[in-house]
């Protein structure tokens, strides 16, 4: 198979607090027209420098930069306190028809990589070679003109991809049907909800037949049924010989549709292997990161901070702390907290979710779901949630937790608050451990009769 994406020693540096200026459509077109001449001039200049410095000492690998490198590359390898490397010396190749999952923790550089591949931002160092038309589906709001209707934006996007009008017309009805927006296709997209916008954006990007499809973590905006349809479409795209790069925190989706996984950590490639092995490595890194910093000191959190989570643990029915739970055991999940308000807080809700080792959400349980909210809490203490007969099969699980005060988010650690293990237990009381590969166990009473279903 031919190589359609080639990334060589790619790095991107940002100045903290600075923002890249917005560019007009005219500027983008002018730059695109000038690009071949810029590359030629850069190549000639590079050749001239090589001739004039043939007697000098050998250069380091970082000294040879792409003609597209920005002036920030002059900073070199050392970063001042105001500069950060979002990507650092990233190299990989993607063959035609491959579906590659890009995974990593928040801030690993995943979205930055896709923005460079989409030509939205320029690299600081290194170069990228793309062979074929590129369709990008990044954050909601990218790519469409808000004043134009959905109908008009479909043709605009097709023109940007270099497609003739008749090619877009041939796909138009299929795009609208996939997006489920027949009634709103002649409405300006500025009036669309985020879910409607995302459905149309994905439908256009996937159906206008770009050779390379780049998809960021935007599928989370849609409902579960549409997410499933999008994942199926990406699988079909690859079968047609087109290439897909898929960035997602949904590790189950990555494992399901991607043969290969590229793991980014702190801007560099930590693993480039089959998707299952990459996911295993990702969970190891996440576990190490969560365990290395006390929860109260973690910075990867959102919310007002009126009350923050400070610890997590498990207890048995006798109040003894456990390092691991057992299938079928009565378990209490304990979440310690600390209020940073002078006065006692009222109208407090707390919830937690459990995830499989591949990142699949198993369940979410808030106190308010059970008609329990806390009218008044001490300034420091712990929330307790008792689960009878733990229905989890043996394995490793991630816990996420969130606190709300009067309906507003107070604390939500983004990477979860900790892992715990479940050991095999006699859930059914028969010695049968249940169906292998299924994380949940459910008990029921069976009977038989002569009655038929009516």
Protein backbone atom coordinates (compact mmCIF):
# COMPACT_ATOMS: atom_id res chain seq x y z
CA UNK A 1 0.00 0.00 0.00
CA UNK A 2 1.11 3.56 -0.70
CA UNK A 3 2.03 5.96 2.09
CA UNK A 4 -0.50 8.83 2.16
CA UNK A 5 0.61 10.56 5.39
CA UNK A 6 4.26 11.03 6.27
CA UNK A 7 5.18 12.96 9.41
CA UNK A 8 8.86 13.68 10.02
CA UNK A 9 10.27 15.14 13.26
CA UNK A 10 7.16 17.26 13.79
CA UNK A 11 7.19 19.77 16.68
CA UNK A 12 4.86 22.56 17.70
CA UNK A 13 5.67 25.23 20.26
CA UNK A 14 3.21 27.66 21.82
CA UNK A 15 3.76 30.76 23.88
CA UNK A 16 1.55 30.58 26.96
CA UNK A 17 -1.07 33.32 26.92
CA UNK A 18 -0.49 34.17 23.26
CA UNK A 19 -2.99 33.46 20.52
CA UNK A 20 -2.43 32.89 16.85
CA UNK A 21 -4.11 35.61 14.82
CA UNK A 22 -7.23 34.85 12.82
CA UNK A 23 -6.74 34.58 9.08
CA UNK A 24 -9.18 35.61 6.38
CA UNK A 25 -10.28 33.28 3.61
CA UNK A 26 -8.52 35.56 1.11
CA UNK A 27 -5.23 35.30 3.02
CA UNK A 28 -5.51 31.52 3.06
CA UNK A 29 -6.06 31.38 -0.71
CA UNK A 30 -3.14 33.75 -1.37
CA UNK A 31 -0.85 31.69 0.85
CA UNK A 32 -1.94 28.51 -0.93
CA UNK A 33 -1.06 30.05 -4.29
CA UNK A 34 2.32 31.20 -3.00
CA UNK A 35 3.16 27.89 -1.29
CA UNK A 36 5.00 26.23 -4.24
CA UNK A 37 7.22 29.28 -4.65
CA UNK A 38 7.88 29.47 -0.91
CA UNK A 39 8.93 25.81 -0.89
CA UNK A 40 11.16 26.36 -3.96
CA UNK A 41 12.77 29.40 -2.39
CA UNK A 42 13.26 27.49 0.85
CA UNK A 43 14.85 24.56 -0.98
CA UNK A 44 17.22 26.83 -2.91
CA UNK A 45 18.12 28.70 0.27
CA UNK A 46 18.76 25.42 2.05
CA UNK A 47 21.01 24.24 -0.79
CA UNK A 48 22.92 27.53 -0.71
CA UNK A 49 23.43 27.24 3.07
CA UNK A 50 24.64 23.65 2.69
CA UNK A 51 27.22 24.72 0.08
CA UNK A 52 28.43 27.70 2.09
CA UNK A 53 28.79 25.67 5.29
CA UNK A 54 30.27 22.45 3.92
CA UNK A 55 33.35 22.90 6.12
CA UNK A 56 31.37 23.45 9.31
CA UNK A 57 30.66 20.84 11.94
CA UNK A 58 27.73 18.44 11.50
CA UNK A 59 24.33 19.82 12.40
CA UNK A 60 21.92 18.28 14.88
CA UNK A 61 18.72 16.68 13.51
CA UNK A 62 16.66 19.61 14.85
CA UNK A 63 18.59 22.13 12.77
CA UNK A 64 17.03 21.01 9.47
CA UNK A 65 13.52 22.44 9.40
CA UNK A 66 10.64 22.34 6.96
CA UNK A 67 10.10 25.34 4.72
CA UNK A 68 6.77 25.73 6.51
CA UNK A 69 8.42 26.21 9.91
CA UNK A 70 7.45 29.38 11.77
CA UNK A 71 9.93 31.88 13.25
CA UNK A 72 9.48 30.23 16.66
CA UNK A 73 11.82 27.47 15.49
CA UNK A 74 14.70 29.82 16.12
CA UNK A 75 14.13 29.34 19.83
CA UNK A 76 15.84 25.92 19.65
CA UNK A 77 15.53 23.01 22.01
CA UNK A 78 15.26 24.91 25.30
CA UNK A 79 11.98 26.40 26.43
CA UNK A 80 11.66 29.50 28.54
CA UNK A 81 8.92 29.49 31.22
CA UNK A 82 6.55 31.19 28.70
CA UNK A 83 6.94 28.50 26.03
CA UNK A 84 5.61 24.94 25.86
CA UNK A 85 6.05 22.15 23.34
CA UNK A 86 2.62 20.76 22.40
CA UNK A 87 4.38 18.30 20.07
CA UNK A 88 8.02 17.24 20.15
CA UNK A 89 9.82 15.23 17.42
CA UNK A 90 6.80 13.22 16.25
CA UNK A 91 7.39 10.89 13.29
CA UNK A 92 5.13 8.23 11.76
CA UNK A 93 3.65 7.06 8.46
CA UNK A 94 0.13 6.01 7.51
CA UNK A 95 -0.66 3.75 4.57
CA UNK A 96 -3.63 4.08 2.25
CA UNK A 97 -6.78 2.54 3.75
CA UNK A 98 -5.49 2.39 7.33
CA UNK A 99 -7.73 3.43 10.23
CA UNK A 100 -5.44 4.81 12.94
CA UNK A 101 -6.58 5.82 16.41
CA UNK A 102 -4.74 8.70 18.08
CA UNK A 103 -5.05 8.45 21.86
CA UNK A 104 -3.54 10.13 24.89
CA UNK A 105 -4.36 12.06 28.03
CA UNK A 106 -5.61 15.65 27.98
CA UNK A 107 -2.84 17.94 26.75
CA UNK A 108 -0.91 15.12 25.05
CA UNK A 109 -0.96 16.94 21.68
CA UNK A 110 -3.67 14.99 19.83
CA UNK A 111 -5.72 17.95 18.60
CA UNK A 112 -2.59 19.94 17.78
CA UNK A 113 -1.43 17.11 15.54
CA UNK A 114 -4.72 17.03 13.64
CA UNK A 115 -4.73 20.82 13.23
CA UNK A 116 -1.28 20.66 11.63
CA UNK A 117 -2.37 17.81 9.36
CA UNK A 118 -5.46 19.86 8.44
CA UNK A 119 -3.24 22.88 7.62
CA UNK A 120 -5.06 24.98 10.21
CA UNK A 121 -1.84 25.69 12.09
CA UNK A 122 1.81 25.52 11.04
CA UNK A 123 4.50 23.37 12.65
CA UNK A 124 7.40 24.90 14.50
CA UNK A 125 9.75 22.19 13.29
CA UNK A 126 9.54 19.19 10.98
CA UNK A 127 7.39 18.52 7.96
CA UNK A 128 4.27 16.70 6.81
CA UNK A 129 3.54 15.09 3.44
CA UNK A 130 -0.09 14.41 2.52
CA UNK A 131 -1.13 12.62 -0.65
CA UNK A 132 -4.78 13.19 -1.45
CA UNK A 133 -7.64 15.45 -0.51
CA UNK A 134 -8.08 15.93 3.23
CA UNK A 135 -11.47 16.15 4.94
CA UNK A 136 -11.32 17.41 8.53
CA UNK A 137 -13.87 17.18 11.29
CA UNK A 138 -12.35 19.00 14.25
CA UNK A 139 -14.08 20.99 16.99
CA UNK A 140 -17.68 22.04 16.38
CA UNK A 141 -17.71 25.37 14.57
CA UNK A 142 -14.77 24.69 12.24
CA UNK A 143 -15.25 24.68 8.48
CA UNK A 144 -18.74 26.11 7.90
CA UNK A 145 -19.79 29.72 7.37
CA UNK A 146 -22.41 30.53 10.03
CA UNK A 147 -24.42 32.90 7.80
CA UNK A 148 -24.88 30.32 5.05
CA UNK A 149 -27.51 27.60 5.09
CA UNK A 150 -26.69 23.95 5.49
CA UNK A 151 -27.43 23.53 1.77
CA UNK A 152 -24.94 26.25 0.82
CA UNK A 153 -22.27 25.03 3.22
CA UNK A 154 -22.31 21.56 1.68
CA UNK A 155 -21.37 23.06 -1.69
CA UNK A 156 -18.83 25.40 -0.08
CA UNK A 157 -17.06 22.50 1.64
CA UNK A 158 -17.06 20.54 -1.60
CA UNK A 159 -15.44 23.47 -3.41
CA UNK A 160 -12.76 23.70 -0.72
CA UNK A 161 -12.02 20.00 -1.28
CA UNK A 162 -11.63 20.73 -5.02
CA UNK A 163 -14.79 18.91 -6.09
CA UNK A 164 -16.95 19.93 -9.05
CA UNK A 165 -20.49 21.06 -8.39
CA UNK A 166 -21.93 17.96 -10.08
CA UNK A 167 -19.89 15.72 -7.75
CA UNK A 168 -21.40 17.43 -4.70
CA UNK A 169 -24.89 17.28 -6.23
CA UNK A 170 -24.49 13.54 -6.74
CA UNK A 171 -23.86 13.10 -2.99
CA UNK A 172 -26.19 15.83 -1.72
CA UNK A 173 -29.29 13.75 -0.89
CA UNK A 174 -27.17 11.06 0.78
CA UNK A 175 -25.45 13.69 2.97
CA UNK A 176 -28.73 15.26 4.09
CA UNK A 177 -30.32 11.89 4.84
CA UNK A 178 -27.32 10.74 6.87
CA UNK A 179 -27.35 13.98 8.91
CA UNK A 180 -31.12 13.65 9.47
CA UNK A 181 -31.57 17.38 8.75
CA UNK A 182 -34.04 17.39 5.85
CA UNK A 183 -36.30 19.96 7.56
CA UNK A 184 -33.44 22.34 8.42
CA UNK A 185 -31.13 22.10 5.41
CA UNK A 186 -32.18 25.58 4.17
CA UNK A 187 -31.70 27.18 7.61
CA UNK A 188 -28.50 29.19 8.36
CA UNK A 189 -26.19 26.95 10.37
CA UNK A 190 -25.73 29.66 13.02
CA UNK A 191 -29.19 28.63 14.20
CA UNK A 192 -28.23 24.96 14.52
CA UNK A 193 -27.65 23.31 17.86
CA UNK A 194 -24.17 21.86 18.43
CA UNK A 195 -25.55 18.38 17.75
CA UNK A 196 -27.16 19.43 14.44
CA UNK A 197 -23.97 21.21 13.39
CA UNK A 198 -21.86 18.17 14.17
CA UNK A 199 -24.19 15.78 12.33
CA UNK A 200 -24.02 17.86 9.15
CA UNK A 201 -20.26 18.40 9.45
CA UNK A 202 -19.58 14.68 9.80
CA UNK A 203 -21.96 13.77 6.98
CA UNK A 204 -20.27 16.23 4.61
CA UNK A 205 -16.73 15.22 5.58
CA UNK A 206 -17.44 11.50 5.24
CA UNK A 207 -19.52 11.56 2.04
CA UNK A 208 -17.57 13.97 -0.16
CA UNK A 209 -14.94 11.28 -0.59
CA UNK A 210 -11.70 12.83 0.65
CA UNK A 211 -8.79 10.41 0.41
CA UNK A 212 -7.85 11.27 4.02
CA UNK A 213 -10.43 11.81 6.78
CA UNK A 214 -9.33 13.43 10.06
CA UNK A 215 -11.83 13.15 12.92
CA UNK A 216 -11.34 14.76 16.33
CA UNK A 217 -13.31 14.14 19.54
CA UNK A 218 -16.52 15.69 18.19
CA UNK A 219 -18.66 12.55 18.14
CA UNK A 220 -19.26 13.09 21.87
CA UNK A 221 -21.67 15.89 20.90
CA UNK A 222 -24.11 13.52 19.20
CA UNK A 223 -26.52 11.03 20.72
CA UNK A 224 -25.62 7.38 21.11
CA UNK A 225 -27.47 6.25 17.98
CA UNK A 226 -25.74 8.81 15.77
CA UNK A 227 -22.35 8.03 17.30
CA UNK A 228 -22.86 4.39 16.35
CA UNK A 229 -23.79 5.40 12.80
CA UNK A 230 -20.67 7.60 12.53
CA UNK A 231 -18.39 4.80 13.72
CA UNK A 232 -19.92 2.46 11.17
CA UNK A 233 -19.43 5.04 8.43
CA UNK A 234 -15.75 5.43 9.30
CA UNK A 235 -15.35 1.69 9.00
CA UNK A 236 -16.98 1.77 5.55
CA UNK A 237 -14.73 4.66 4.48
CA UNK A 238 -11.63 2.57 5.19
CA UNK A 239 -13.03 -0.38 3.20
CA UNK A 240 -13.24 1.96 0.20
CA UNK A 241 -9.47 2.45 0.37
CA UNK A 242 -9.57 5.81 2.11
CA UNK A 243 -7.51 6.65 5.20
CA UNK A 244 -8.93 7.67 8.60
CA UNK A 245 -7.18 9.26 11.60
CA UNK A 246 -9.49 9.17 14.60
CA UNK A 247 -8.80 11.07 17.84
CA UNK A 248 -10.99 9.97 20.74
CA UNK A 249 -11.08 9.30 24.48
CA UNK A 250 -13.58 6.52 23.75
CA UNK A 251 -11.12 3.65 23.91
CA UNK A 252 -13.79 1.08 23.15
CA UNK A 253 -14.51 2.85 19.85
CA UNK A 254 -10.78 3.04 19.08
CA UNK A 255 -10.39 -0.69 19.69
CA UNK A 256 -13.51 -1.46 17.67
CA UNK A 257 -12.70 0.37 14.41
CA UNK A 258 -8.92 0.98 14.45
CA UNK A 259 -6.37 -1.71 13.66
CA UNK A 260 -3.54 0.55 14.80
CA UNK A 261 -3.13 2.94 17.72
CA UNK A 262 -0.69 5.83 18.15
CA UNK A 263 -0.32 6.91 21.78
CA UNK A 264 0.84 10.46 22.48
CA UNK A 265 2.21 11.41 25.88
CA UNK A 266 3.50 14.90 26.67
CA UNK A 267 3.72 15.71 22.97
CA UNK A 268 5.75 12.65 21.94
CA UNK A 269 4.87 9.19 20.65
CA UNK A 270 4.83 6.72 23.55
CA UNK A 271 3.56 3.78 21.49
CA UNK A 272 2.76 2.98 17.85
CA UNK A 273 1.34 -0.52 17.69
CA UNK A 274 -1.94 -2.42 17.37
CA UNK A 275 -4.87 -0.61 18.98
CA UNK A 276 -5.31 -3.07 21.87
CA UNK A 277 -1.65 -2.82 22.91
CA UNK A 278 -1.74 0.98 22.61
CA UNK A 279 -4.82 1.12 24.85
CA UNK A 280 -3.13 -1.09 27.44
CA UNK A 281 -0.12 1.23 27.47
CA UNK A 282 -2.45 4.25 27.73
CA UNK A 283 -4.19 2.88 30.82
CA UNK A 284 -0.79 2.17 32.40
CA UNK A 285 0.30 5.78 31.85
CA UNK A 286 -3.01 7.13 33.13
CA UNK A 287 -2.87 4.95 36.22
CA UNK A 288 0.71 6.06 36.94
CA UNK A 289 -0.21 9.72 36.47
CA UNK A 290 -3.24 9.47 38.77
CA UNK A 291 -1.29 7.59 41.43
CA UNK A 292 1.76 9.87 41.37
CA UNK A 293 -0.06 13.06 42.44
CA UNK A 294 -2.43 13.31 45.43
CA UNK A 295 -5.97 14.00 44.30
CA UNK A 296 -6.15 17.28 46.21
CA UNK A 297 -3.09 18.57 44.31
CA UNK A 298 -4.25 17.57 40.82
CA UNK A 299 -4.74 20.39 38.28
CA UNK A 300 -6.75 18.51 35.63
CA UNK A 301 -10.10 19.57 37.04
CA UNK A 302 -12.95 21.90 36.22
CA UNK A 303 -15.53 23.65 38.40
CA UNK A 304 -15.87 26.58 40.79
CA UNK A 305 -13.71 24.96 43.50
CA UNK A 306 -16.21 25.72 46.24
CA UNK A 307 -15.75 22.13 47.36
CA UNK A 308 -13.11 19.72 46.04
CA UNK A 309 -12.58 15.98 46.14
CA UNK A 310 -9.52 15.01 48.18
CA UNK A 311 -9.52 11.19 48.20
CA UNK A 312 -11.19 7.94 47.18
CA UNK A 313 -11.40 4.48 48.70
CA UNK A 314 -13.41 1.29 49.16
CA UNK A 315 -14.80 -0.24 52.35
CA UNK A 316 -16.52 -3.53 53.09
CA UNK A 317 -19.80 -3.87 54.99
CA UNK A 318 -17.87 -3.74 58.30
CA UNK A 319 -16.18 -0.43 57.52
CA UNK A 320 -12.78 -1.95 56.75
CA UNK A 321 -10.71 -0.31 54.01
CA UNK A 322 -10.11 -2.62 51.02
CA UNK A 323 -7.38 -2.62 48.42
CA UNK A 324 -9.61 -4.65 46.08
CA UNK A 325 -13.30 -5.58 45.96
CA UNK A 326 -14.80 -8.97 45.23
CA UNK A 327 -17.59 -9.82 42.79
CA UNK A 328 -20.89 -10.08 44.67
CA UNK A 329 -19.55 -8.35 47.78
CA UNK A 330 -21.34 -5.47 49.56
CA UNK A 331 -19.10 -2.45 48.90
CA UNK A 332 -19.08 1.22 49.91
CA UNK A 333 -17.47 3.81 47.65
CA UNK A 334 -15.97 6.60 49.79
CA UNK A 335 -15.24 10.10 48.42
CA UNK A 336 -13.53 12.50 50.82
CA UNK A 337 -13.96 16.24 50.23
CA UNK A 338 -13.05 19.64 51.61
CA UNK A 339 -15.06 22.87 51.33
CA UNK A 340 -13.22 26.08 50.58
CA UNK A 341 -16.17 28.26 51.59
CA UNK A 342 -16.43 29.90 55.00
CA UNK A 343 -20.11 29.07 55.40
CA UNK A 344 -21.55 25.52 55.25
CA UNK A 345 -22.68 24.52 51.75
CA UNK A 346 -26.25 23.51 50.99
CA UNK A 347 -28.00 21.86 48.03
CA UNK A 348 -25.03 19.64 47.22
CA UNK A 349 -25.14 16.70 44.78
CA UNK A 350 -22.37 14.18 44.17
CA UNK A 351 -22.05 11.43 41.61
CA UNK A 352 -19.58 8.91 40.29
CA UNK A 353 -19.14 6.74 37.22
CA UNK A 354 -17.29 3.50 36.60
CA UNK A 355 -15.31 2.82 33.42
CA UNK A 356 -13.87 -0.39 32.06
CA UNK A 357 -10.14 -0.70 31.52
CA UNK A 358 -10.72 0.29 27.88
CA UNK A 359 -12.55 3.48 28.85
CA UNK A 360 -16.11 2.25 28.26
CA UNK A 361 -18.60 3.91 30.61
CA UNK A 362 -20.43 1.22 32.60
CA UNK A 363 -22.73 3.31 34.77
CA UNK A 364 -23.21 6.72 36.43
CA UNK A 365 -24.88 7.17 39.81
CA UNK A 366 -25.69 10.56 41.36
CA UNK A 367 -27.16 10.98 44.81
CA UNK A 368 -30.02 12.92 43.18
CA UNK A 369 -30.95 9.86 41.09
CA UNK A 370 -32.06 8.19 44.32
CA UNK A 371 -33.88 11.33 45.54
CA UNK A 372 -31.01 12.08 47.89
CA UNK A 373 -29.40 15.50 47.96
CA UNK A 374 -27.46 17.03 50.82
CA UNK A 375 -29.11 20.13 52.28
CA UNK A 376 -26.10 20.87 54.46
CA UNK A 377 -22.63 19.32 54.57
CA UNK A 378 -19.73 19.79 57.02
CA UNK A 379 -16.77 21.82 55.80
CA UNK A 380 -14.72 18.61 55.65
CA UNK A 381 -15.81 14.99 55.44
CA UNK A 382 -16.70 12.19 53.04
CA UNK A 383 -19.58 11.01 50.89
CA UNK A 384 -20.47 7.33 51.03
CA UNK A 385 -22.37 5.27 48.46
CA UNK A 386 -23.25 1.68 49.38
CA UNK A 387 -23.58 -0.87 46.57
CA UNK A 388 -25.13 -4.21 47.48
CA UNK A 389 -23.78 -7.33 45.80
CA UNK A 390 -21.24 -5.63 43.49
CA UNK A 391 -22.19 -6.78 39.96
CA UNK A 392 -18.75 -6.31 38.35
CA UNK A 393 -16.75 -9.20 36.93
CA UNK A 394 -13.08 -9.60 37.83
CA UNK A 395 -10.96 -6.86 36.28
CA UNK A 396 -9.63 -3.34 36.67
CA UNK A 397 -11.90 -0.28 36.70
CA UNK A 398 -11.54 3.50 36.67
CA UNK A 399 -13.63 5.77 38.91
CA UNK A 400 -14.69 9.27 37.92
CA UNK A 401 -16.48 11.63 40.32
CA UNK A 402 -18.13 15.06 40.26
CA UNK A 403 -19.64 17.46 42.82
CA UNK A 404 -22.39 20.00 42.14
CA UNK A 405 -23.45 22.90 44.37
CA UNK A 406 -26.91 24.31 43.64
CA UNK A 407 -26.74 22.70 40.23
CA UNK A 408 -23.39 24.24 39.25
CA UNK A 409 -20.24 22.21 38.84
CA UNK A 410 -17.91 22.58 41.83
CA UNK A 411 -15.28 19.93 41.09
CA UNK A 412 -14.67 17.40 38.34
CA UNK A 413 -11.20 15.81 37.98
CA UNK A 414 -11.00 15.19 34.24
CA UNK A 415 -8.77 12.12 34.28
CA UNK A 416 -10.76 10.27 36.95
CA UNK A 417 -9.91 9.91 40.62
CA UNK A 418 -8.49 6.40 40.84
CA UNK A 419 -8.45 2.77 39.76
CA UNK A 420 -9.56 -0.27 41.74
CA UNK A 421 -9.45 -4.00 41.16
CA UNK A 422 -12.26 -6.52 41.42
CA UNK A 423 -11.40 -10.12 42.22
CA UNK A 424 -13.52 -13.09 41.18
CA UNK A 425 -16.25 -14.03 43.65
CA UNK A 426 -19.24 -16.37 43.82
CA UNK A 427 -21.83 -13.86 42.58
CA UNK A 428 -24.49 -16.45 41.73
CA UNK A 429 -23.83 -18.68 44.75
CA UNK A 430 -23.29 -21.64 42.43
CA UNK A 431 -19.57 -21.35 41.71
CA UNK A 432 -20.29 -20.15 38.15
CA UNK A 433 -18.32 -16.98 37.35
CA UNK A 434 -20.55 -15.90 34.44
CA UNK A 435 -19.94 -15.18 30.76
CA UNK A 436 -16.32 -14.30 29.97
CA UNK A 437 -15.72 -10.83 28.53
CA UNK A 438 -18.86 -9.31 30.04
CA UNK A 439 -18.14 -6.75 32.80
CA UNK A 440 -21.60 -6.96 34.38
CA UNK A 441 -23.26 -9.84 36.19
CA UNK A 442 -27.03 -9.87 36.72
CA UNK A 443 -28.89 -12.41 38.82
CA UNK A 444 -32.46 -13.52 38.10
CA UNK A 445 -35.04 -16.21 38.94
CA UNK A 446 -35.83 -18.68 36.15
CA UNK A 447 -38.95 -20.78 35.68
CA UNK A 448 -40.83 -22.60 32.92
CA UNK A 449 -44.52 -23.00 32.15
CA UNK A 450 -46.87 -24.07 29.36
CA UNK A 451 -48.11 -20.53 28.83
CA UNK A 452 -47.27 -18.96 25.47
CA UNK A 453 -46.47 -15.30 24.76
CA UNK A 454 -49.55 -13.50 23.46
